[in-house]
Amino acid sequence: MKGGQDGSRVNREGFEVVAVTLFGKTVVAHYATREQAEWRIKELDEEAERNPRGYVLYLVRPASGPARQR
């Protein structure tokens, strides 16, 4: 049996892209490598320049803790 198949939470490894606004933080995506996460931030920043919707800062952080169940 692999981790998580029994319904238990699985620790995620990798990196998260986090959107930080005045109202808090939201995890936008999860990637296996830091380079993938940084590439996604670059794309999100370019999109935000074309369609501004307020001040949003995107950050990369190591994924820690249990995976969220969906």
PDB file of N, CA and C in Angstrom:
ATOM      1  N   MET A   1       0.847  -1.173   0.000  1.00  0.00           N
ATOM      2  CA  MET A   1       0.000   0.000   0.000  1.00  0.00           C
ATOM      3  C   MET A   1       0.897   1.241   0.000  1.00  0.00           C
ATOM      4  N   LYS A   2       0.604   2.186  -0.871  1.00  0.00           N
ATOM      5  CA  LYS A   2       1.362   3.421  -0.942  1.00  0.00           C
ATOM      6  C   LYS A   2       0.748   4.444   0.004  1.00  0.00           C
ATOM      7  N   GLY A   3       1.557   5.445   0.367  1.00  0.00           N
ATOM      8  CA  GLY A   3       1.066   6.487   1.266  1.00  0.00           C
ATOM      9  C   GLY A   3      -0.157   7.181   0.713  1.00  0.00           C
ATOM     10  N   GLY A   4      -1.141   7.371   1.544  1.00  0.00           N
ATOM     11  CA  GLY A   4      -2.342   8.083   1.156  1.00  0.00           C
ATOM     12  C   GLY A   4      -3.475   7.197   0.676  1.00  0.00           C
ATOM     13  N   GLN A   5      -3.215   5.971   0.317  1.00  0.00           N
ATOM     14  CA  GLN A   5      -4.269   5.108  -0.180  1.00  0.00           C
ATOM     15  C   GLN A   5      -5.245   4.697   0.916  1.00  0.00           C
ATOM     16  N   ASP A   6      -4.803   4.766   2.163  1.00  0.00           N
ATOM     17  CA  ASP A   6      -5.690   4.391   3.252  1.00  0.00           C
ATOM     18  C   ASP A   6      -6.517   5.569   3.765  1.00  0.00           C
ATOM     19  N   GLY A   7      -6.456   6.702   3.045  1.00  0.00           N
ATOM     20  CA  GLY A   7      -7.225   7.870   3.455  1.00  0.00           C
ATOM     21  C   GLY A   7      -6.440   8.815   4.346  1.00  0.00           C
ATOM     22  N   SER A   8      -5.223   8.445   4.728  1.00  0.00           N
ATOM     23  CA  SER A   8      -4.422   9.336   5.562  1.00  0.00           C
ATOM     24  C   SER A   8      -3.825  10.446   4.707  1.00  0.00           C
ATOM     25  N   ARG A   9      -3.432  11.493   5.357  1.00  0.00           N
ATOM     26  CA  ARG A   9      -2.828  12.611   4.646  1.00  0.00           C
ATOM     27  C   ARG A   9      -1.386  12.284   4.292  1.00  0.00           C
ATOM     28  N   VAL A  10      -0.955  12.802   3.164  1.00  0.00           N
ATOM     29  CA  VAL A  10       0.389  12.552   2.664  1.00  0.00           C
ATOM     30  C   VAL A  10       1.165  13.858   2.690  1.00  0.00           C
ATOM     31  N   ASN A  11       2.403  13.816   3.153  1.00  0.00           N
ATOM     32  CA  ASN A  11       3.238  15.006   3.114  1.00  0.00           C
ATOM     33  C   ASN A  11       3.656  15.281   1.680  1.00  0.00           C
ATOM     34  N   ARG A  12       3.529  16.528   1.259  1.00  0.00           N
ATOM     35  CA  ARG A  12       3.907  16.913  -0.092  1.00  0.00           C
ATOM     36  C   ARG A  12       5.331  17.408  -0.082  1.00  0.00           C
ATOM     37  N   GLU A  13       6.048  17.062  -1.110  1.00  0.00           N
ATOM     38  CA  GLU A  13       7.378  17.583  -1.303  1.00  0.00           C
ATOM     39  C   GLU A  13       7.343  18.463  -2.536  1.00  0.00           C
ATOM     40  N   GLY A  14       8.207  19.447  -2.586  1.00  0.00           N
ATOM     41  CA  GLY A  14       8.262  20.323  -3.738  1.00  0.00           C
ATOM     42  C   GLY A  14       8.096  21.764  -3.312  1.00  0.00           C
ATOM     43  N   PHE A  15       7.484  22.548  -4.201  1.00  0.00           N
ATOM     44  CA  PHE A  15       7.358  23.979  -3.966  1.00  0.00           C
ATOM     45  C   PHE A  15       5.957  24.446  -4.320  1.00  0.00           C
ATOM     46  N   GLU A  16       5.481  25.442  -3.575  1.00  0.00           N
ATOM     47  CA  GLU A  16       4.173  26.031  -3.802  1.00  0.00           C
ATOM     48  C   GLU A  16       4.344  27.443  -4.328  1.00  0.00           C
ATOM     49  N   VAL A  17       3.433  27.841  -5.222  1.00  0.00           N
ATOM     50  CA  VAL A  17       3.326  29.229  -5.650  1.00  0.00           C
ATOM     51  C   VAL A  17       2.212  29.828  -4.816  1.00  0.00           C
ATOM     52  N   VAL A  18       2.527  30.916  -4.111  1.00  0.00           N
ATOM     53  CA  VAL A  18       1.582  31.539  -3.195  1.00  0.00           C
ATOM     54  C   VAL A  18       1.283  32.961  -3.665  1.00  0.00           C
ATOM     55  N   ALA A  19       0.001  33.316  -3.754  1.00  0.00           N
ATOM     56  CA  ALA A  19      -0.414  34.676  -4.061  1.00  0.00           C
ATOM     57  C   ALA A  19      -0.651  35.389  -2.737  1.00  0.00           C
ATOM     58  N   VAL A  20       0.026  36.522  -2.548  1.00  0.00           N
ATOM     59  CA  VAL A  20      -0.102  37.300  -1.322  1.00  0.00           C
ATOM     60  C   VAL A  20      -0.807  38.610  -1.666  1.00  0.00           C
ATOM     61  N   THR A  21      -1.927  38.866  -0.993  1.00  0.00           N
ATOM     62  CA  THR A  21      -2.677  40.107  -1.180  1.00  0.00           C
ATOM     63  C   THR A  21      -2.869  40.772   0.169  1.00  0.00           C
ATOM     64  N   LEU A  22      -3.585  41.867   0.171  1.00  0.00           N
ATOM     65  CA  LEU A  22      -3.893  42.548   1.431  1.00  0.00           C
ATOM     66  C   LEU A  22      -4.777  41.699   2.330  1.00  0.00           C
ATOM     67  N   PHE A  23      -5.479  40.737   1.741  1.00  0.00           N
ATOM     68  CA  PHE A  23      -6.437  39.937   2.491  1.00  0.00           C
ATOM     69  C   PHE A  23      -5.894  38.596   2.968  1.00  0.00           C
ATOM     70  N   GLY A  24      -4.672  38.272   2.610  1.00  0.00           N
ATOM     71  CA  GLY A  24      -4.096  37.011   3.056  1.00  0.00           C
ATOM     72  C   GLY A  24      -3.314  36.313   1.967  1.00  0.00           C
ATOM     73  N   LYS A  25      -3.043  35.028   2.201  1.00  0.00           N
ATOM     74  CA  LYS A  25      -2.261  34.220   1.274  1.00  0.00           C
ATOM     75  C   LYS A  25      -3.109  33.074   0.738  1.00  0.00           C
ATOM     76  N   THR A  26      -2.872  32.736  -0.532  1.00  0.00           N
ATOM     77  CA  THR A  26      -3.569  31.627  -1.170  1.00  0.00           C
ATOM     78  C   THR A  26      -2.570  30.816  -1.986  1.00  0.00           C
ATOM     79  N   VAL A  27      -2.575  29.503  -1.817  1.00  0.00           N
ATOM     80  CA  VAL A  27      -1.717  28.640  -2.616  1.00  0.00           C
ATOM     81  C   VAL A  27      -2.338  28.534  -4.009  1.00  0.00           C
ATOM     82  N   VAL A  28      -1.557  28.912  -5.024  1.00  0.00           N
ATOM     83  CA  VAL A  28      -2.040  28.931  -6.397  1.00  0.00           C
ATOM     84  C   VAL A  28      -1.714  27.627  -7.115  1.00  0.00           C
ATOM     85  N   ALA A  29      -0.504  27.090  -6.874  1.00  0.00           N
ATOM     86  CA  ALA A  29      -0.082  25.879  -7.580  1.00  0.00           C
ATOM     87  C   ALA A  29       1.003  25.170  -6.783  1.00  0.00           C
ATOM     88  N   HIS A  30       1.260  23.915  -7.162  1.00  0.00           N
ATOM     89  CA  HIS A  30       2.282  23.099  -6.507  1.00  0.00           C
ATOM     90  C   HIS A  30       3.128  22.462  -7.592  1.00  0.00           C
ATOM     91  N   TYR A  31       4.460  22.556  -7.458  1.00  0.00           N
ATOM     92  CA  TYR A  31       5.385  22.024  -8.463  1.00  0.00           C
ATOM     93  C   TYR A  31       6.473  21.195  -7.788  1.00  0.00           C
ATOM     94  N   ALA A  32       7.042  20.291  -8.555  1.00  0.00           N
ATOM     95  CA  ALA A  32       8.081  19.404  -8.033  1.00  0.00           C
ATOM     96  C   ALA A  32       9.410  20.125  -7.851  1.00  0.00           C
ATOM     97  N   THR A  33       9.706  21.104  -8.717  1.00  0.00           N
ATOM     98  CA  THR A  33      10.990  21.802  -8.631  1.00  0.00           C
ATOM     99  C   THR A  33      10.783  23.298  -8.468  1.00  0.00           C
ATOM    100  N   ARG A  34      11.781  23.935  -7.899  1.00  0.00           N
ATOM    101  CA  ARG A  34      11.736  25.383  -7.706  1.00  0.00           C
ATOM    102  C   ARG A  34      11.722  26.112  -9.047  1.00  0.00           C
ATOM    103  N   GLU A  35      12.449  25.590 -10.032  1.00  0.00           N
ATOM    104  CA  GLU A  35      12.502  26.224 -11.351  1.00  0.00           C
ATOM    105  C   GLU A  35      11.116  26.268 -12.000  1.00  0.00           C
ATOM    106  N   GLN A  36      10.355  25.194 -11.862  1.00  0.00           N
ATOM    107  CA  GLN A  36       9.001  25.175 -12.410  1.00  0.00           C
ATOM    108  C   GLN A  36       8.128  26.224 -11.731  1.00  0.00           C
ATOM    109  N   ALA A  37       8.253  26.330 -10.420  1.00  0.00           N
ATOM    110  CA  ALA A  37       7.461  27.313  -9.671  1.00  0.00           C
ATOM    111  C   ALA A  37       7.846  28.737 -10.061  1.00  0.00           C
ATOM    112  N   GLU A  38       9.139  29.002 -10.208  1.00  0.00           N
ATOM    113  CA  GLU A  38       9.581  30.343 -10.589  1.00  0.00           C
ATOM    114  C   GLU A  38       9.134  30.690 -12.012  1.00  0.00           C
ATOM    115  N   TRP A  39       9.102  29.702 -12.900  1.00  0.00           N
ATOM    116  CA  TRP A  39       8.627  29.937 -14.262  1.00  0.00           C
ATOM    117  C   TRP A  39       7.146  30.322 -14.238  1.00  0.00           C
ATOM    118  N   ARG A  40       6.366  29.642 -13.407  1.00  0.00           N
ATOM    119  CA  ARG A  40       4.938  29.960 -13.299  1.00  0.00           C
ATOM    120  C   ARG A  40       4.724  31.364 -12.741  1.00  0.00           C
ATOM    121  N   ILE A  41       5.559  31.771 -11.788  1.00  0.00           N
ATOM    122  CA  ILE A  41       5.447  33.128 -11.240  1.00  0.00           C
ATOM    123  C   ILE A  41       5.711  34.152 -12.329  1.00  0.00           C
ATOM    124  N   LYS A  42       6.693  33.899 -13.164  1.00  0.00           N
ATOM    125  CA  LYS A  42       7.001  34.810 -14.266  1.00  0.00           C
ATOM    126  C   LYS A  42       5.783  34.960 -15.172  1.00  0.00           C
ATOM    127  N   GLU A  43       5.121  33.847 -15.505  1.00  0.00           N
ATOM    128  CA  GLU A  43       3.919  33.896 -16.339  1.00  0.00           C
ATOM    129  C   GLU A  43       2.783  34.653 -15.647  1.00  0.00           C
ATOM    130  N   LEU A  44       2.601  34.429 -14.347  1.00  0.00           N
ATOM    131  CA  LEU A  44       1.540  35.116 -13.604  1.00  0.00           C
ATOM    132  C   LEU A  44       1.803  36.610 -13.520  1.00  0.00           C
ATOM    133  N   ASP A  45       3.063  36.999 -13.346  1.00  0.00           N
ATOM    134  CA  ASP A  45       3.408  38.424 -13.295  1.00  0.00           C
ATOM    135  C   ASP A  45       3.123  39.106 -14.631  1.00  0.00           C
ATOM    136  N   GLU A  46       3.450  38.429 -15.735  1.00  0.00           N
ATOM    137  CA  GLU A  46       3.175  38.992 -17.057  1.00  0.00           C
ATOM    138  C   GLU A  46       1.673  39.147 -17.281  1.00  0.00           C
ATOM    139  N   GLU A  47       0.899  38.158 -16.848  1.00  0.00           N
ATOM    140  CA  GLU A  47      -0.557  38.235 -16.983  1.00  0.00           C
ATOM    141  C   GLU A  47      -1.121  39.361 -16.120  1.00  0.00           C
ATOM    142  N   ALA A  48      -0.582  39.540 -14.925  1.00  0.00           N
ATOM    143  CA  ALA A  48      -1.056  40.597 -14.024  1.00  0.00           C
ATOM    144  C   ALA A  48      -0.755  41.987 -14.597  1.00  0.00           C
ATOM    145  N   GLU A  49       0.334  42.123 -15.333  1.00  0.00           N
ATOM    146  CA  GLU A  49       0.642  43.402 -15.968  1.00  0.00           C
ATOM    147  C   GLU A  49      -0.363  43.724 -17.065  1.00  0.00           C
ATOM    148  N   ARG A  50      -0.802  42.701 -17.802  1.00  0.00           N
ATOM    149  CA  ARG A  50      -1.778  42.918 -18.885  1.00  0.00           C
ATOM    150  C   ARG A  50      -3.175  43.170 -18.320  1.00  0.00           C
ATOM    151  N   ASN A  51      -3.538  42.516 -17.245  1.00  0.00           N
ATOM    152  CA  ASN A  51      -4.872  42.619 -16.649  1.00  0.00           C
ATOM    153  C   ASN A  51      -4.763  42.907 -15.155  1.00  0.00           C
ATOM    154  N   PRO A  52      -4.435  44.152 -14.790  1.00  0.00           N
ATOM    155  CA  PRO A  52      -4.268  44.438 -13.352  1.00  0.00           C
ATOM    156  C   PRO A  52      -5.595  44.336 -12.593  1.00  0.00           C
ATOM    157  N   ARG A  53      -5.549  43.669 -11.446  1.00  0.00           N
ATOM    158  CA  ARG A  53      -6.744  43.511 -10.593  1.00  0.00           C
ATOM    159  C   ARG A  53      -6.416  43.864  -9.155  1.00  0.00           C
ATOM    160  N   GLY A  54      -5.501  44.768  -8.948  1.00  0.00           N
ATOM    161  CA  GLY A  54      -5.080  45.092  -7.593  1.00  0.00           C
ATOM    162  C   GLY A  54      -3.671  44.584  -7.370  1.00  0.00           C
ATOM    163  N   TYR A  55      -3.158  44.808  -6.196  1.00  0.00           N
ATOM    164  CA  TYR A  55      -1.783  44.437  -5.901  1.00  0.00           C
ATOM    165  C   TYR A  55      -1.710  42.991  -5.451  1.00  0.00           C
ATOM    166  N   VAL A  56      -0.986  42.185  -6.209  1.00  0.00           N
ATOM    167  CA  VAL A  56      -0.768  40.783  -5.868  1.00  0.00           C
ATOM    168  C   VAL A  56       0.717  40.497  -5.993  1.00  0.00           C
ATOM    169  N   LEU A  57       1.272  39.831  -5.010  1.00  0.00           N
ATOM    170  CA  LEU A  57       2.665  39.415  -5.026  1.00  0.00           C
ATOM    171  C   LEU A  57       2.696  37.900  -5.034  1.00  0.00           C
ATOM    172  N   TYR A  58       3.452  37.324  -5.958  1.00  0.00           N
ATOM    173  CA  TYR A  58       3.565  35.869  -6.031  1.00  0.00           C
ATOM    174  C   TYR A  58       4.907  35.448  -5.453  1.00  0.00           C
ATOM    175  N   LEU A  59       4.879  34.426  -4.620  1.00  0.00           N
ATOM    176  CA  LEU A  59       6.076  33.919  -3.967  1.00  0.00           C
ATOM    177  C   LEU A  59       6.180  32.410  -4.138  1.00  0.00           C
ATOM    178  N   VAL A  60       7.415  31.910  -4.045  1.00  0.00           N
ATOM    179  CA  VAL A  60       7.660  30.468  -4.030  1.00  0.00           C
ATOM    180  C   VAL A  60       8.088  30.103  -2.621  1.00  0.00           C
ATOM    181  N   ARG A  61       7.499  29.025  -2.089  1.00  0.00           N
ATOM    182  CA  ARG A  61       7.930  28.542  -0.783  1.00  0.00           C
ATOM    183  C   ARG A  61       7.960  27.016  -0.824  1.00  0.00           C
ATOM    184  N   PRO A  62       8.815  26.430  -0.012  1.00  0.00           N
ATOM    185  CA  PRO A  62       8.835  24.962   0.053  1.00  0.00           C
ATOM    186  C   PRO A  62       7.485  24.459   0.564  1.00  0.00           C
ATOM    187  N   ALA A  63       6.980  23.439  -0.067  1.00  0.00           N
ATOM    188  CA  ALA A  63       5.718  22.853   0.380  1.00  0.00           C
ATOM    189  C   ALA A  63       5.983  22.103   1.673  1.00  0.00           C
ATOM    190  N   SER A  64       5.165  22.370   2.658  1.00  0.00           N
ATOM    191  CA  SER A  64       5.334  21.691   3.936  1.00  0.00           C
ATOM    192  C   SER A  64       3.969  21.328   4.486  1.00  0.00           C
ATOM    193  N   GLY A  65       3.967  20.363   5.331  1.00  0.00           N
ATOM    194  CA  GLY A  65       2.722  19.941   5.956  1.00  0.00           C
ATOM    195  C   GLY A  65       1.960  18.983   5.068  1.00  0.00           C
ATOM    196  N   PRO A  66       0.819  18.542   5.554  1.00  0.00           N
ATOM    197  CA  PRO A  66       0.035  17.559   4.810  1.00  0.00           C
ATOM    198  C   PRO A  66      -0.618  18.171   3.576  1.00  0.00           C
ATOM    199  N   ALA A  67      -0.853  17.356   2.582  1.00  0.00           N
ATOM    200  CA  ALA A  67      -1.557  17.784   1.387  1.00  0.00           C
ATOM    201  C   ALA A  67      -3.008  18.060   1.740  1.00  0.00           C
ATOM    202  N   ARG A  68      -3.581  19.024   1.060  1.00  0.00           N
ATOM    203  CA  ARG A  68      -4.987  19.335   1.297  1.00  0.00           C
ATOM    204  C   ARG A  68      -5.853  18.306   0.556  1.00  0.00           C
ATOM    205  N   GLN A  69      -6.908  17.872   1.222  1.00  0.00           N
ATOM    206  CA  GLN A  69      -7.825  16.942   0.566  1.00  0.00           C
ATOM    207  C   GLN A  69      -8.833  17.748  -0.221  1.00  0.00           C
ATOM    208  N   ARG A  70      -9.121  17.301  -1.440  1.00  0.00           N
ATOM    209  CA  ARG A  70     -10.067  18.036  -2.303  1.00  0.00           C
ATOM    210  C   ARG A  70     -11.317  17.263  -2.497  1.00  0.00           C
TER     211      ARG A  70
END
